[in-house]
Amino acid sequence: MPADVKEKVEAAIKEANDALAGTDIAAVKTAVEKLATESQTLGQAIYAASAAEEAANTDGSGASGADDVVDAEVVDEPSDSEKK
């Protein structure tokens, strides 16, 4: 996670906590909106890092179709007690 994104989220959390300690509802709404925006940025950074890590760990063989998949059908046979 980029350090600047983390710092912005931490600052937004502090602002929201400070606003909640006060009595100004408009300040609380503004701080919560800023926190929501910064949280979305954090989510995007985490998603991008996860996607990059997954791409780095993929060797390309997953798309080749060499999974050795066997097509099968499940057949329920009656038990001995049902045959009688």
C-alpha atoms as a PDB file:
ATOM      1  CA  MET A   1       0.000   0.000   0.000  1.00  0.00           C
ATOM      2  CA  PRO A   2       1.445   3.390  -0.911  1.00  0.00           C
ATOM      3  CA  ALA A   3       2.532   5.468   2.093  1.00  0.00           C
ATOM      4  CA  ASP A   4       0.767   8.608   0.869  1.00  0.00           C
ATOM      5  CA  VAL A   5      -2.579   6.800   0.665  1.00  0.00           C
ATOM      6  CA  LYS A   6      -2.106   5.403   4.171  1.00  0.00           C
ATOM      7  CA  GLU A   7      -1.233   8.853   5.538  1.00  0.00           C
ATOM      8  CA  LYS A   8      -4.301  10.415   3.910  1.00  0.00           C
ATOM      9  CA  VAL A   9      -6.601   7.761   5.382  1.00  0.00           C
ATOM     10  CA  GLU A  10      -5.054   8.151   8.829  1.00  0.00           C
ATOM     11  CA  ALA A  11      -5.458  11.942   8.600  1.00  0.00           C
ATOM     12  CA  ALA A  12      -9.102  11.540   7.546  1.00  0.00           C
ATOM     13  CA  ILE A  13      -9.721   9.196  10.492  1.00  0.00           C
ATOM     14  CA  LYS A  14      -8.208  11.724  12.892  1.00  0.00           C
ATOM     15  CA  GLU A  15     -10.327  14.519  11.393  1.00  0.00           C
ATOM     16  CA  ALA A  16     -13.472  12.398  11.731  1.00  0.00           C
ATOM     17  CA  ASN A  17     -12.663  11.566  15.359  1.00  0.00           C
ATOM     18  CA  ASP A  18     -11.987  15.242  16.131  1.00  0.00           C
ATOM     19  CA  ALA A  19     -15.253  16.255  14.446  1.00  0.00           C
ATOM     20  CA  LEU A  20     -17.176  13.626  16.405  1.00  0.00           C
ATOM     21  CA  ALA A  21     -15.796  15.046  19.630  1.00  0.00           C
ATOM     22  CA  GLY A  22     -17.360  18.411  18.787  1.00  0.00           C
ATOM     23  CA  THR A  23     -20.939  19.537  18.275  1.00  0.00           C
ATOM     24  CA  ASP A  24     -20.778  20.832  14.678  1.00  0.00           C
ATOM     25  CA  ILE A  25     -22.859  18.447  12.564  1.00  0.00           C
ATOM     26  CA  ALA A  26     -21.660  19.988   9.296  1.00  0.00           C
ATOM     27  CA  ALA A  27     -18.042  19.343  10.305  1.00  0.00           C
ATOM     28  CA  VAL A  28     -18.911  15.723  11.109  1.00  0.00           C
ATOM     29  CA  LYS A  29     -20.592  15.241   7.720  1.00  0.00           C
ATOM     30  CA  THR A  30     -17.647  16.809   5.902  1.00  0.00           C
ATOM     31  CA  ALA A  31     -15.133  14.687   7.809  1.00  0.00           C
ATOM     32  CA  VAL A  32     -17.107  11.498   7.187  1.00  0.00           C
ATOM     33  CA  GLU A  33     -17.396  12.275   3.467  1.00  0.00           C
ATOM     34  CA  LYS A  34     -13.640  12.872   3.286  1.00  0.00           C
ATOM     35  CA  LEU A  35     -13.021   9.616   5.150  1.00  0.00           C
ATOM     36  CA  ALA A  36     -15.282   7.756   2.718  1.00  0.00           C
ATOM     37  CA  THR A  37     -13.418   9.194  -0.265  1.00  0.00           C
ATOM     38  CA  GLU A  38     -10.014   8.331   1.199  1.00  0.00           C
ATOM     39  CA  SER A  39     -11.266   4.845   2.091  1.00  0.00           C
ATOM     40  CA  GLN A  40     -12.277   4.284  -1.517  1.00  0.00           C
ATOM     41  CA  THR A  41      -8.808   5.377  -2.607  1.00  0.00           C
ATOM     42  CA  LEU A  42      -7.349   2.893  -0.120  1.00  0.00           C
ATOM     43  CA  GLY A  43      -9.557   0.128  -1.507  1.00  0.00           C
ATOM     44  CA  GLN A  44      -8.443   0.913  -5.043  1.00  0.00           C
ATOM     45  CA  ALA A  45      -4.782   0.805  -3.984  1.00  0.00           C
ATOM     46  CA  ILE A  46      -5.251  -2.536  -2.248  1.00  0.00           C
ATOM     47  CA  TYR A  47      -7.096  -3.956  -5.268  1.00  0.00           C
ATOM     48  CA  ALA A  48      -4.377  -2.732  -7.647  1.00  0.00           C
ATOM     49  CA  ALA A  49      -1.632  -4.200  -5.457  1.00  0.00           C
ATOM     50  CA  SER A  50      -3.493  -7.499  -5.234  1.00  0.00           C
ATOM     51  CA  ALA A  51      -4.003  -7.640  -8.997  1.00  0.00           C
ATOM     52  CA  ALA A  52      -0.340  -6.842  -9.623  1.00  0.00           C
ATOM     53  CA  GLU A  53       0.766  -9.523  -7.169  1.00  0.00           C
ATOM     54  CA  GLU A  54      -1.533 -12.086  -8.776  1.00  0.00           C
ATOM     55  CA  ALA A  55      -0.248 -11.194 -12.235  1.00  0.00           C
ATOM     56  CA  ALA A  56       3.336 -11.577 -11.034  1.00  0.00           C
ATOM     57  CA  ASN A  57       2.581 -14.999  -9.549  1.00  0.00           C
ATOM     58  CA  THR A  58       0.827 -16.301 -12.666  1.00  0.00           C
ATOM     59  CA  ASP A  59       3.108 -18.161 -15.036  1.00  0.00           C
ATOM     60  CA  GLY A  60       0.611 -18.125 -17.896  1.00  0.00           C
ATOM     61  CA  SER A  61      -0.226 -21.833 -17.788  1.00  0.00           C
ATOM     62  CA  GLY A  62      -3.691 -21.191 -16.368  1.00  0.00           C
ATOM     63  CA  ALA A  63      -5.039 -19.932 -19.661  1.00  0.00           C
ATOM     64  CA  SER A  64      -3.699 -22.802 -21.750  1.00  0.00           C
ATOM     65  CA  GLY A  65      -6.508 -25.212 -20.819  1.00  0.00           C
ATOM     66  CA  ALA A  66      -4.199 -27.942 -19.521  1.00  0.00           C
ATOM     67  CA  ASP A  67      -6.179 -28.511 -16.335  1.00  0.00           C
ATOM     68  CA  ASP A  68      -6.847 -32.230 -17.021  1.00  0.00           C
ATOM     69  CA  VAL A  69     -10.584 -31.753 -16.533  1.00  0.00           C
ATOM     70  CA  VAL A  70     -12.632 -34.928 -16.873  1.00  0.00           C
ATOM     71  CA  ASP A  71     -16.272 -34.678 -17.878  1.00  0.00           C
ATOM     72  CA  ALA A  72     -18.389 -37.023 -15.759  1.00  0.00           C
ATOM     73  CA  GLU A  73     -21.976 -37.769 -14.820  1.00  0.00           C
ATOM     74  CA  VAL A  74     -23.158 -38.647 -11.330  1.00  0.00           C
ATOM     75  CA  VAL A  75     -25.594 -41.563 -11.189  1.00  0.00           C
ATOM     76  CA  ASP A  76     -27.434 -42.344  -7.978  1.00  0.00           C
ATOM     77  CA  GLU A  77     -27.906 -46.080  -7.747  1.00  0.00           C
ATOM     78  CA  PRO A  78     -30.575 -47.409  -5.374  1.00  0.00           C
ATOM     79  CA  SER A  79     -29.232 -48.914  -2.163  1.00  0.00           C
ATOM     80  CA  ASP A  80     -29.800 -52.595  -1.272  1.00  0.00           C
ATOM     81  CA  SER A  81     -32.766 -51.738   0.963  1.00  0.00           C
ATOM     82  CA  GLU A  82     -34.485 -49.822  -1.842  1.00  0.00           C
ATOM     83  CA  LYS A  83     -34.096 -52.718  -4.296  1.00  0.00           C
ATOM     84  CA  LYS A  84     -36.212 -55.085  -2.188  1.00  0.00           C
END
